[in-house]
Amino acid sequence: MAATATKYTLASRGQVTRDDIFYTSKLAENRTSYNAVRASIRQSVAACKLGYIDLFLLHSPYGGPAARWASWRAIEDAIRDGEVRSGGVSNFGPRHVNELMGHTDLRIKPVVNQIEAHPFNTREDIRATCARHGIVVEAYAPLVRGMRMRHPVITALSEKYKCTPAQLLVRWSLQHGLVPLPKSVRKVRMEENADVNGFKISSADLATLDALDEHLVTDWDPTNTD
């Protein structure tokens, strides 16, 4: 069955094609066994029933250099075989990114590094490293998991720009060239988080937001692992 011909029913849109969907999956655990990772990717492709995965990530740098490299080789071959369209990493710190990009046998570079990033944890070190290698940074937890919505700077700037705190935080990500990944199960919140093109944060206010950095980690931080 050709993936491009497959149709999926969405209540709000009617019939859509595979090309309307961008599906991302992750490898839960890096392994030194290339064959084990290759099999895991194939299982993920089969389980999603979409024909292929648009973006496949290494979930973290855990496991050490050998495991990271064996796992990345498996992603490269999955791309070569058409099971995956593009590959990336997640929670990779500068050293992990440089290690992968400096590998002499690298055939396909990661297109994305998915990290926690927001004004309270700007991760300028990782962002700068990714920029040097042409890697897009996806910002997860861009809304700080709701932990700083009532911060006085956030509320004051939200009032100034006539937006919600969530919209301000999403806009911060966009103006820094990040791809924010706000999470919500409510349609009204999803629409609100996407409606951020009606204003632009000034350079001075952007600097004020950057100065809020307190290295806040809302969940986990494997970016400094060996």
C-alpha atoms as a PDB file:
ATOM      1  CA  MET A   1       0.000   0.000   0.000  1.00  0.00           C
ATOM      2  CA  ALA A   2       1.556   3.295  -1.066  1.00  0.00           C
ATOM      3  CA  ALA A   3       1.848   5.724   1.823  1.00  0.00           C
ATOM      4  CA  THR A   4       1.049   8.732  -0.349  1.00  0.00           C
ATOM      5  CA  ALA A   5      -2.268   7.193  -1.365  1.00  0.00           C
ATOM      6  CA  THR A   6      -3.366   6.346   2.153  1.00  0.00           C
ATOM      7  CA  LYS A   7      -6.128   8.544   3.588  1.00  0.00           C
ATOM      8  CA  TYR A   8      -6.825   9.297   7.220  1.00  0.00           C
ATOM      9  CA  THR A   9     -10.060  10.706   8.617  1.00  0.00           C
ATOM     10  CA  LEU A  10      -9.839  13.691  10.943  1.00  0.00           C
ATOM     11  CA  ALA A  11     -13.102  14.911  12.425  1.00  0.00           C
ATOM     12  CA  SER A  12     -12.289  18.574  11.903  1.00  0.00           C
ATOM     13  CA  ARG A  13     -10.922  18.322   8.344  1.00  0.00           C
ATOM     14  CA  GLY A  14     -12.489  15.335   6.628  1.00  0.00           C
ATOM     15  CA  GLN A  15     -10.113  13.387   4.384  1.00  0.00           C
ATOM     16  CA  VAL A  16      -6.386  14.127   4.443  1.00  0.00           C
ATOM     17  CA  THR A  17      -3.442  12.419   2.766  1.00  0.00           C
ATOM     18  CA  ARG A  18      -0.185  11.152   4.225  1.00  0.00           C
ATOM     19  CA  ASP A  19       1.516  14.324   3.009  1.00  0.00           C
ATOM     20  CA  ASP A  20      -0.608  16.340   5.470  1.00  0.00           C
ATOM     21  CA  ILE A  21       0.982  14.516   8.415  1.00  0.00           C
ATOM     22  CA  PHE A  22       4.449  15.081   9.889  1.00  0.00           C
ATOM     23  CA  TYR A  23       5.189  12.226  12.258  1.00  0.00           C
ATOM     24  CA  THR A  24       8.129  12.166  14.671  1.00  0.00           C
ATOM     25  CA  SER A  25       9.300   9.213  16.733  1.00  0.00           C
ATOM     26  CA  LYS A  26      12.289   8.524  18.982  1.00  0.00           C
ATOM     27  CA  LEU A  27      14.667   5.757  19.924  1.00  0.00           C
ATOM     28  CA  ALA A  28      14.119   5.237  23.643  1.00  0.00           C
ATOM     29  CA  GLU A  29      17.606   3.919  24.383  1.00  0.00           C
ATOM     30  CA  ASN A  30      20.874   4.115  22.449  1.00  0.00           C
ATOM     31  CA  ARG A  31      22.582   0.749  21.982  1.00  0.00           C
ATOM     32  CA  THR A  32      25.942  -0.489  20.828  1.00  0.00           C
ATOM     33  CA  SER A  33      24.118  -3.129  18.776  1.00  0.00           C
ATOM     34  CA  TYR A  34      23.431  -1.657  15.347  1.00  0.00           C
ATOM     35  CA  ASN A  35      21.076  -4.545  14.524  1.00  0.00           C
ATOM     36  CA  ALA A  36      18.996  -3.998  17.662  1.00  0.00           C
ATOM     37  CA  VAL A  37      18.495  -0.314  16.845  1.00  0.00           C
ATOM     38  CA  ARG A  38      17.751  -1.082  13.204  1.00  0.00           C
ATOM     39  CA  ALA A  39      15.063  -3.551  14.301  1.00  0.00           C
ATOM     40  CA  SER A  40      13.619  -1.011  16.733  1.00  0.00           C
ATOM     41  CA  ILE A  41      13.273   1.576  13.972  1.00  0.00           C
ATOM     42  CA  ARG A  42      11.510  -0.933  11.732  1.00  0.00           C
ATOM     43  CA  GLN A  43       9.122  -1.766  14.579  1.00  0.00           C
ATOM     44  CA  SER A  44       8.341   1.945  15.023  1.00  0.00           C
ATOM     45  CA  VAL A  45       7.615   2.321  11.317  1.00  0.00           C
ATOM     46  CA  ALA A  46       5.311  -0.696  11.362  1.00  0.00           C
ATOM     47  CA  ALA A  47       3.537   0.437  14.526  1.00  0.00           C
ATOM     48  CA  CYS A  48       2.681   3.923  13.225  1.00  0.00           C
ATOM     49  CA  LYS A  49       1.051   2.453  10.072  1.00  0.00           C
ATOM     50  CA  LEU A  50       1.959   5.560   8.084  1.00  0.00           C
ATOM     51  CA  GLY A  51       4.398   3.899   5.700  1.00  0.00           C
ATOM     52  CA  TYR A  52       7.399   5.902   6.902  1.00  0.00           C
ATOM     53  CA  ILE A  53       8.459   8.217   9.737  1.00  0.00           C
ATOM     54  CA  ASP A  54       9.144  11.835   8.831  1.00  0.00           C
ATOM     55  CA  LEU A  55      11.651  12.494  11.621  1.00  0.00           C
ATOM     56  CA  PHE A  56      13.360   9.937  13.854  1.00  0.00           C
ATOM     57  CA  LEU A  57      15.359  11.102  16.872  1.00  0.00           C
ATOM     58  CA  LEU A  58      17.839   9.679  19.312  1.00  0.00           C
ATOM     59  CA  HIS A  59      15.984  10.499  22.526  1.00  0.00           C
ATOM     60  CA  SER A  60      19.098  11.307  24.562  1.00  0.00           C
ATOM     61  CA  PRO A  61      22.886  11.006  24.504  1.00  0.00           C
ATOM     62  CA  TYR A  62      22.826   8.296  27.203  1.00  0.00           C
ATOM     63  CA  GLY A  63      24.840   5.152  26.539  1.00  0.00           C
ATOM     64  CA  GLY A  64      28.224   6.602  25.650  1.00  0.00           C
ATOM     65  CA  PRO A  65      30.017   7.347  22.357  1.00  0.00           C
ATOM     66  CA  ALA A  66      29.855   3.812  20.929  1.00  0.00           C
ATOM     67  CA  ALA A  67      26.114   3.511  21.532  1.00  0.00           C
ATOM     68  CA  ARG A  68      25.439   6.968  20.109  1.00  0.00           C
ATOM     69  CA  TRP A  69      27.379   6.169  16.950  1.00  0.00           C
ATOM     70  CA  ALA A  70      25.852   2.719  16.402  1.00  0.00           C
ATOM     71  CA  SER A  71      22.383   4.188  16.888  1.00  0.00           C
ATOM     72  CA  TRP A  72      23.048   7.045  14.477  1.00  0.00           C
ATOM     73  CA  ARG A  73      24.357   4.619  11.838  1.00  0.00           C
ATOM     74  CA  ALA A  74      21.040   2.769  12.088  1.00  0.00           C
ATOM     75  CA  ILE A  75      19.146   6.021  11.485  1.00  0.00           C
ATOM     76  CA  GLU A  76      21.323   6.794   8.464  1.00  0.00           C
ATOM     77  CA  ASP A  77      20.510   3.396   6.955  1.00  0.00           C
ATOM     78  CA  ALA A  78      16.807   3.782   7.758  1.00  0.00           C
ATOM     79  CA  ILE A  79      16.893   7.030   5.779  1.00  0.00           C
ATOM     80  CA  ARG A  80      18.746   5.311   2.943  1.00  0.00           C
ATOM     81  CA  ASP A  81      16.124   2.541   2.881  1.00  0.00           C
ATOM     82  CA  GLY A  82      13.186   4.971   2.837  1.00  0.00           C
ATOM     83  CA  GLU A  83      11.809   4.015   6.256  1.00  0.00           C
ATOM     84  CA  VAL A  84      12.680   7.407   7.696  1.00  0.00           C
ATOM     85  CA  ARG A  85      12.783  10.739   5.869  1.00  0.00           C
ATOM     86  CA  SER A  86      15.128  12.647   8.206  1.00  0.00           C
ATOM     87  CA  GLY A  87      17.069  12.068  11.416  1.00  0.00           C
ATOM     88  CA  GLY A  88      17.867  14.111  14.478  1.00  0.00           C
ATOM     89  CA  VAL A  89      18.839  14.034  18.116  1.00  0.00           C
ATOM     90  CA  SER A  90      17.313  15.154  21.381  1.00  0.00           C
ATOM     91  CA  ASN A  91      18.865  16.429  24.612  1.00  0.00           C
ATOM     92  CA  PHE A  92      22.331  16.504  23.033  1.00  0.00           C
ATOM     93  CA  GLY A  93      24.739  18.958  24.628  1.00  0.00           C
ATOM     94  CA  PRO A  94      27.498  20.783  22.717  1.00  0.00           C
ATOM     95  CA  ARG A  95      29.998  17.969  23.239  1.00  0.00           C
ATOM     96  CA  HIS A  96      27.596  15.336  21.924  1.00  0.00           C
ATOM     97  CA  VAL A  97      26.738  17.418  18.870  1.00  0.00           C
ATOM     98  CA  ASN A  98      30.404  18.094  18.083  1.00  0.00           C
ATOM     99  CA  GLU A  99      31.258  14.428  18.623  1.00  0.00           C
ATOM    100  CA  LEU A 100      28.654  13.285  16.103  1.00  0.00           C
ATOM    101  CA  MET A 101      29.383  16.003  13.558  1.00  0.00           C
ATOM    102  CA  GLY A 102      33.127  15.322  13.795  1.00  0.00           C
ATOM    103  CA  HIS A 103      32.840  11.607  13.087  1.00  0.00           C
ATOM    104  CA  THR A 104      34.835  10.762   9.976  1.00  0.00           C
ATOM    105  CA  ASP A 105      32.242   8.228   8.777  1.00  0.00           C
ATOM    106  CA  LEU A 106      29.228  10.536   9.131  1.00  0.00           C
ATOM    107  CA  ARG A 107      27.105  10.308   5.986  1.00  0.00           C
ATOM    108  CA  ILE A 108      23.933  12.147   7.013  1.00  0.00           C
ATOM    109  CA  LYS A 109      23.943  14.944   9.550  1.00  0.00           C
ATOM    110  CA  PRO A 110      21.153  15.441  12.093  1.00  0.00           C
ATOM    111  CA  VAL A 111      18.683  18.087  11.001  1.00  0.00           C
ATOM    112  CA  VAL A 112      17.272  18.743  14.487  1.00  0.00           C
ATOM    113  CA  ASN A 113      18.322  18.828  18.125  1.00  0.00           C
ATOM    114  CA  GLN A 114      15.262  18.800  20.383  1.00  0.00           C
ATOM    115  CA  ILE A 115      16.041  20.399  23.759  1.00  0.00           C
ATOM    116  CA  GLU A 116      14.275  22.164  26.597  1.00  0.00           C
ATOM    117  CA  ALA A 117      14.516  25.907  25.893  1.00  0.00           C
ATOM    118  CA  HIS A 118      12.617  28.962  27.130  1.00  0.00           C
ATOM    119  CA  PRO A 119      13.497  32.316  28.761  1.00  0.00           C
ATOM    120  CA  PHE A 120      14.159  30.575  32.071  1.00  0.00           C
ATOM    121  CA  ASN A 121      16.584  28.102  30.461  1.00  0.00           C
ATOM    122  CA  THR A 122      17.883  29.666  27.264  1.00  0.00           C
ATOM    123  CA  ARG A 123      20.579  27.039  26.487  1.00  0.00           C
ATOM    124  CA  GLU A 124      22.600  29.507  24.451  1.00  0.00           C
ATOM    125  CA  ASP A 125      25.558  27.103  24.482  1.00  0.00           C
ATOM    126  CA  ILE A 126      23.620  24.340  22.726  1.00  0.00           C
ATOM    127  CA  ARG A 127      21.878  26.756  20.373  1.00  0.00           C
ATOM    128  CA  ALA A 128      25.196  28.281  19.298  1.00  0.00           C
ATOM    129  CA  THR A 129      26.733  24.857  18.660  1.00  0.00           C
ATOM    130  CA  CYS A 130      23.741  23.757  16.588  1.00  0.00           C
ATOM    131  CA  ALA A 131      23.811  27.014  14.621  1.00  0.00           C
ATOM    132  CA  ARG A 132      27.440  26.419  13.668  1.00  0.00           C
ATOM    133  CA  HIS A 133      26.502  23.022  12.254  1.00  0.00           C
ATOM    134  CA  GLY A 134      23.263  24.129  10.578  1.00  0.00           C
ATOM    135  CA  ILE A 135      21.105  22.094  12.961  1.00  0.00           C
ATOM    136  CA  VAL A 136      17.619  23.353  13.771  1.00  0.00           C
ATOM    137  CA  VAL A 137      16.755  23.576  17.460  1.00  0.00           C
ATOM    138  CA  GLU A 138      13.306  22.380  18.480  1.00  0.00           C
ATOM    139  CA  ALA A 139      12.295  23.793  21.873  1.00  0.00           C
ATOM    140  CA  TYR A 140      10.263  21.452  24.019  1.00  0.00           C
ATOM    141  CA  ALA A 141       8.575  22.768  27.163  1.00  0.00           C
ATOM    142  CA  PRO A 142       8.559  26.274  25.615  1.00  0.00           C
ATOM    143  CA  LEU A 143       5.772  27.232  28.036  1.00  0.00           C
ATOM    144  CA  VAL A 144       7.945  26.184  31.008  1.00  0.00           C
ATOM    145  CA  ARG A 145       5.233  23.587  31.771  1.00  0.00           C
ATOM    146  CA  GLY A 146       3.170  26.452  33.194  1.00  0.00           C
ATOM    147  CA  MET A 147       5.635  27.027  36.024  1.00  0.00           C
ATOM    148  CA  ARG A 148       6.354  30.701  35.276  1.00  0.00           C
ATOM    149  CA  MET A 149       3.107  31.980  33.740  1.00  0.00           C
ATOM    150  CA  ARG A 150       2.617  34.411  36.640  1.00  0.00           C
ATOM    151  CA  HIS A 151       6.177  35.690  36.728  1.00  0.00           C
ATOM    152  CA  PRO A 152       5.975  39.510  36.917  1.00  0.00           C
ATOM    153  CA  VAL A 153       8.061  40.064  33.783  1.00  0.00           C
ATOM    154  CA  ILE A 154       5.935  37.599  31.808  1.00  0.00           C
ATOM    155  CA  THR A 155       2.649  39.133  32.946  1.00  0.00           C
ATOM    156  CA  ALA A 156       3.879  42.702  32.363  1.00  0.00           C
ATOM    157  CA  LEU A 157       5.071  41.985  28.825  1.00  0.00           C
ATOM    158  CA  SER A 158       1.938  40.003  28.045  1.00  0.00           C
ATOM    159  CA  GLU A 159      -0.118  43.058  28.968  1.00  0.00           C
ATOM    160  CA  LYS A 160       2.163  45.309  26.917  1.00  0.00           C
ATOM    161  CA  TYR A 161       1.801  43.184  23.767  1.00  0.00           C
ATOM    162  CA  LYS A 162      -1.849  42.327  24.423  1.00  0.00           C
ATOM    163  CA  CYS A 163      -1.187  38.605  24.290  1.00  0.00           C
ATOM    164  CA  THR A 164      -1.334  35.679  26.679  1.00  0.00           C
ATOM    165  CA  PRO A 165       1.764  34.552  28.608  1.00  0.00           C
ATOM    166  CA  ALA A 166       1.819  31.412  26.459  1.00  0.00           C
ATOM    167  CA  GLN A 167       1.805  33.448  23.252  1.00  0.00           C
ATOM    168  CA  LEU A 168       4.648  35.598  24.571  1.00  0.00           C
ATOM    169  CA  LEU A 169       6.733  32.512  25.319  1.00  0.00           C
ATOM    170  CA  VAL A 170       6.034  30.979  21.918  1.00  0.00           C
ATOM    171  CA  ARG A 171       6.955  34.269  20.257  1.00  0.00           C
ATOM    172  CA  TRP A 172      10.243  34.338  22.211  1.00  0.00           C
ATOM    173  CA  SER A 173      11.148  30.960  20.722  1.00  0.00           C
ATOM    174  CA  LEU A 174      10.273  31.998  17.190  1.00  0.00           C
ATOM    175  CA  GLN A 175      12.269  35.230  17.351  1.00  0.00           C
ATOM    176  CA  HIS A 176      15.300  33.247  18.460  1.00  0.00           C
ATOM    177  CA  GLY A 177      14.936  30.984  15.421  1.00  0.00           C
ATOM    178  CA  LEU A 178      13.693  28.005  17.405  1.00  0.00           C
ATOM    179  CA  VAL A 179      10.842  25.648  16.546  1.00  0.00           C
ATOM    180  CA  PRO A 180       8.650  25.673  19.677  1.00  0.00           C
ATOM    181  CA  LEU A 181       6.691  22.560  20.601  1.00  0.00           C
ATOM    182  CA  PRO A 182       3.929  23.759  22.948  1.00  0.00           C
ATOM    183  CA  LYS A 183       1.856  20.934  24.385  1.00  0.00           C
ATOM    184  CA  SER A 184      -1.874  21.022  24.976  1.00  0.00           C
ATOM    185  CA  VAL A 185      -4.837  18.674  24.686  1.00  0.00           C
ATOM    186  CA  ARG A 186      -7.333  21.528  24.367  1.00  0.00           C
ATOM    187  CA  LYS A 187      -8.196  22.831  20.920  1.00  0.00           C
ATOM    188  CA  VAL A 188      -8.633  26.411  22.124  1.00  0.00           C
ATOM    189  CA  ARG A 189      -5.126  26.368  23.602  1.00  0.00           C
ATOM    190  CA  MET A 190      -3.649  24.899  20.433  1.00  0.00           C
ATOM    191  CA  GLU A 191      -5.240  27.669  18.376  1.00  0.00           C
ATOM    192  CA  GLU A 192      -4.069  30.298  20.851  1.00  0.00           C
ATOM    193  CA  ASN A 193      -0.495  29.014  20.813  1.00  0.00           C
ATOM    194  CA  ALA A 194      -0.431  29.192  17.010  1.00  0.00           C
ATOM    195  CA  ASP A 195      -1.837  32.731  16.860  1.00  0.00           C
ATOM    196  CA  VAL A 196       1.422  34.616  17.462  1.00  0.00           C
ATOM    197  CA  ASN A 197       2.021  36.522  14.237  1.00  0.00           C
ATOM    198  CA  GLY A 198       0.179  39.680  15.276  1.00  0.00           C
ATOM    199  CA  PHE A 199       3.026  41.120  17.328  1.00  0.00           C
ATOM    200  CA  LYS A 200       6.808  41.228  17.577  1.00  0.00           C
ATOM    201  CA  ILE A 201       8.830  41.472  20.771  1.00  0.00           C
ATOM    202  CA  SER A 202      11.237  44.425  20.695  1.00  0.00           C
ATOM    203  CA  SER A 203      14.984  43.850  20.973  1.00  0.00           C
ATOM    204  CA  ALA A 204      15.011  45.448  24.416  1.00  0.00           C
ATOM    205  CA  ASP A 205      12.169  43.278  25.690  1.00  0.00           C
ATOM    206  CA  LEU A 206      13.744  40.192  24.148  1.00  0.00           C
ATOM    207  CA  ALA A 207      16.893  40.962  26.128  1.00  0.00           C
ATOM    208  CA  THR A 208      14.780  41.363  29.271  1.00  0.00           C
ATOM    209  CA  LEU A 209      13.315  37.924  28.700  1.00  0.00           C
ATOM    210  CA  ASP A 210      16.755  36.430  28.027  1.00  0.00           C
ATOM    211  CA  ALA A 211      17.930  37.831  31.364  1.00  0.00           C
ATOM    212  CA  LEU A 212      15.374  35.652  33.158  1.00  0.00           C
ATOM    213  CA  ASP A 213      17.595  32.610  32.563  1.00  0.00           C
ATOM    214  CA  GLU A 214      17.887  30.662  35.812  1.00  0.00           C
ATOM    215  CA  HIS A 215      18.920  27.359  34.192  1.00  0.00           C
ATOM    216  CA  LEU A 216      15.517  25.975  35.139  1.00  0.00           C
ATOM    217  CA  VAL A 217      15.077  22.330  34.159  1.00  0.00           C
ATOM    218  CA  THR A 218      11.432  21.322  34.310  1.00  0.00           C
ATOM    219  CA  ASP A 219      11.943  17.591  33.820  1.00  0.00           C
ATOM    220  CA  TRP A 220      15.382  16.092  33.097  1.00  0.00           C
ATOM    221  CA  ASP A 221      18.730  17.217  31.698  1.00  0.00           C
ATOM    222  CA  PRO A 222      21.019  14.609  30.138  1.00  0.00           C
ATOM    223  CA  THR A 223      22.942  17.213  28.118  1.00  0.00           C
ATOM    224  CA  ASN A 224      26.072  16.882  30.294  1.00  0.00           C
ATOM    225  CA  THR A 225      26.267  13.098  30.374  1.00  0.00           C
ATOM    226  CA  ASP A 226      29.388  11.268  29.189  1.00  0.00           C
END
